[in-house]
Amino acid sequence: MPNVHPSHSGMPSLYNAEVSSYRGRWTMSVIGPDRAVVAGPNIDLGPADVLTEAHPDDPGRYLIAVEGEVPVLPREAAVQHLEKHGFVVAASARGDARTDEGWTQVATALWTAPCQPTA
């Protein structure tokens, strides 16, 4: 995993990765502090055809109570694309036991993660 850029080390995350499913595909964008898209928009992460049975106590679902079938977050693909575009999920989020390795589900097919630029 790449290191956070020294000027951002120890600071709160100013960037946010958003991964959503639309028309059967997962896409990702990285949003900057001024709400401008800094990576993407809509980086293709592949098909959203794998479903799972959601439970409110699953990692990453502490903000909402999701039940029923939901598309499975392509976390590994998202992390790889974040790194490819010069970002990494914030260590503080990855260490939060409530998240799914830093990712939080905020809607049935929308996940977010705070991220920081890499060195």
Protein backbone atom coordinates (compact mmCIF):
# COMPACT_ATOMS: atom_id res chain seq x y z
CA MET A 1 0.00 0.00 0.00
CA PRO A 2 1.41 3.42 -0.94
CA ASN A 3 2.30 5.97 1.72
CA VAL A 4 0.26 9.10 2.28
CA HIS A 5 1.87 12.26 0.88
CA PRO A 6 3.90 13.88 3.71
CA SER A 7 1.91 17.12 3.51
CA HIS A 8 -1.28 15.15 4.28
CA SER A 9 0.15 12.80 6.92
CA GLY A 10 -1.72 13.06 10.21
CA MET A 11 -4.32 15.41 8.77
CA PRO A 12 -8.04 14.74 8.30
CA SER A 13 -8.98 13.37 4.89
CA LEU A 14 -9.87 16.07 2.40
CA TYR A 15 -10.86 13.66 -0.38
CA ASN A 16 -13.65 11.12 -0.62
CA ALA A 17 -13.96 8.10 -2.88
CA GLU A 18 -17.50 7.25 -3.99
CA VAL A 19 -18.32 3.87 -5.51
CA SER A 20 -21.82 3.31 -6.85
CA SER A 21 -23.71 0.85 -8.97
CA TYR A 22 -25.62 2.22 -11.94
CA ARG A 23 -27.17 0.25 -14.78
CA GLY A 24 -25.43 -2.92 -13.70
CA ARG A 25 -21.88 -1.47 -13.47
CA TRP A 26 -19.78 -0.28 -10.55
CA THR A 27 -18.16 3.14 -11.04
CA MET A 28 -15.89 5.23 -8.84
CA SER A 29 -15.05 8.92 -8.54
CA VAL A 30 -12.76 10.74 -6.13
CA ILE A 31 -14.18 14.02 -4.90
CA GLY A 32 -11.90 16.83 -3.68
CA PRO A 33 -12.41 19.30 -0.85
CA ASP A 34 -14.14 21.77 -3.17
CA ARG A 35 -16.53 18.99 -4.38
CA ALA A 36 -14.73 18.86 -7.73
CA VAL A 37 -14.02 15.44 -9.24
CA VAL A 38 -10.27 14.84 -9.04
CA ALA A 39 -10.24 11.23 -10.33
CA GLY A 40 -12.88 9.99 -12.70
CA PRO A 41 -15.67 10.66 -13.07
CA ASN A 42 -17.10 7.19 -13.31
CA ILE A 43 -14.01 4.97 -13.38
CA ASP A 44 -15.39 1.58 -14.42
CA LEU A 45 -14.89 -1.13 -11.77
CA GLY A 46 -16.82 -3.88 -13.56
CA PRO A 47 -20.23 -5.50 -13.40
CA ALA A 48 -22.45 -5.20 -10.34
CA ASP A 49 -23.86 -8.69 -10.76
CA VAL A 50 -22.77 -10.32 -7.49
CA LEU A 51 -25.37 -9.94 -4.75
CA THR A 52 -25.33 -10.67 -1.03
CA GLU A 53 -27.89 -10.69 1.74
CA ALA A 54 -27.31 -7.50 3.74
CA HIS A 55 -27.57 -7.29 7.51
CA PRO A 56 -27.42 -4.05 9.51
CA ASP A 57 -24.54 -5.36 11.65
CA ASP A 58 -22.26 -6.11 8.66
CA PRO A 59 -19.01 -4.08 8.51
CA GLY A 60 -19.56 -0.72 6.85
CA ARG A 61 -23.30 -0.59 7.43
CA TYR A 62 -23.36 1.32 10.72
CA LEU A 63 -24.94 4.44 9.19
CA ILE A 64 -27.98 2.77 7.65
CA ALA A 65 -30.10 -0.33 8.16
CA VAL A 66 -29.89 -2.19 4.87
CA GLU A 67 -31.70 -5.46 4.45
CA GLY A 68 -32.34 -7.74 1.49
CA GLU A 69 -30.11 -8.36 -1.50
CA VAL A 70 -27.52 -5.73 -2.35
CA PRO A 71 -24.66 -5.67 -4.86
CA VAL A 72 -21.29 -6.62 -3.34
CA LEU A 73 -18.78 -3.76 -3.14
CA PRO A 74 -15.79 -4.49 -5.42
CA ARG A 75 -13.43 -3.28 -2.67
CA GLU A 76 -10.22 -4.73 -4.11
CA ALA A 77 -10.84 -3.20 -7.55
CA ALA A 78 -11.71 0.14 -5.93
CA VAL A 79 -8.51 0.15 -3.86
CA GLN A 80 -6.40 -0.75 -6.90
CA HIS A 81 -7.92 2.07 -8.95
CA LEU A 82 -7.51 4.52 -6.06
CA GLU A 83 -3.81 3.67 -5.90
CA LYS A 84 -3.50 3.89 -9.69
CA HIS A 85 -4.92 7.44 -9.54
CA GLY A 86 -2.66 8.51 -6.64
CA PHE A 87 -4.89 7.98 -3.59
CA VAL A 88 -5.15 5.62 -0.64
CA VAL A 89 -8.01 4.97 1.83
CA ALA A 90 -7.24 6.92 5.00
CA ALA A 91 -5.56 4.82 7.70
CA SER A 92 -7.95 6.13 10.36
CA ALA A 93 -10.91 4.79 8.36
CA ARG A 94 -9.22 1.44 7.67
CA GLY A 95 -8.65 1.06 11.42
CA ASP A 96 -12.28 1.79 12.29
CA ALA A 97 -13.97 -1.52 13.15
CA ARG A 98 -17.34 -0.16 12.03
CA THR A 99 -16.17 0.19 8.42
CA ASP A 100 -15.41 -2.44 5.79
CA GLU A 101 -11.67 -1.70 5.64
CA GLY A 102 -12.46 2.01 5.45
CA TRP A 103 -15.58 1.80 3.26
CA THR A 104 -19.02 2.80 4.54
CA GLN A 105 -22.29 1.96 2.84
CA VAL A 106 -24.57 5.02 2.68
CA ALA A 107 -27.23 3.63 0.30
CA THR A 108 -28.11 0.26 -1.19
CA ALA A 109 -25.56 0.63 -3.99
CA LEU A 110 -23.34 3.51 -2.77
CA TRP A 111 -20.16 3.20 -0.70
CA THR A 112 -17.79 5.96 0.38
CA ALA A 113 -14.29 6.06 1.88
CA PRO A 114 -12.18 8.99 3.03
CA CYS A 115 -8.90 9.01 1.11
CA GLN A 116 -5.65 10.90 0.92
CA PRO A 117 -3.15 11.57 -1.87
CA THR A 118 -0.10 9.33 -1.99
CA ALA A 119 3.54 10.35 -1.90
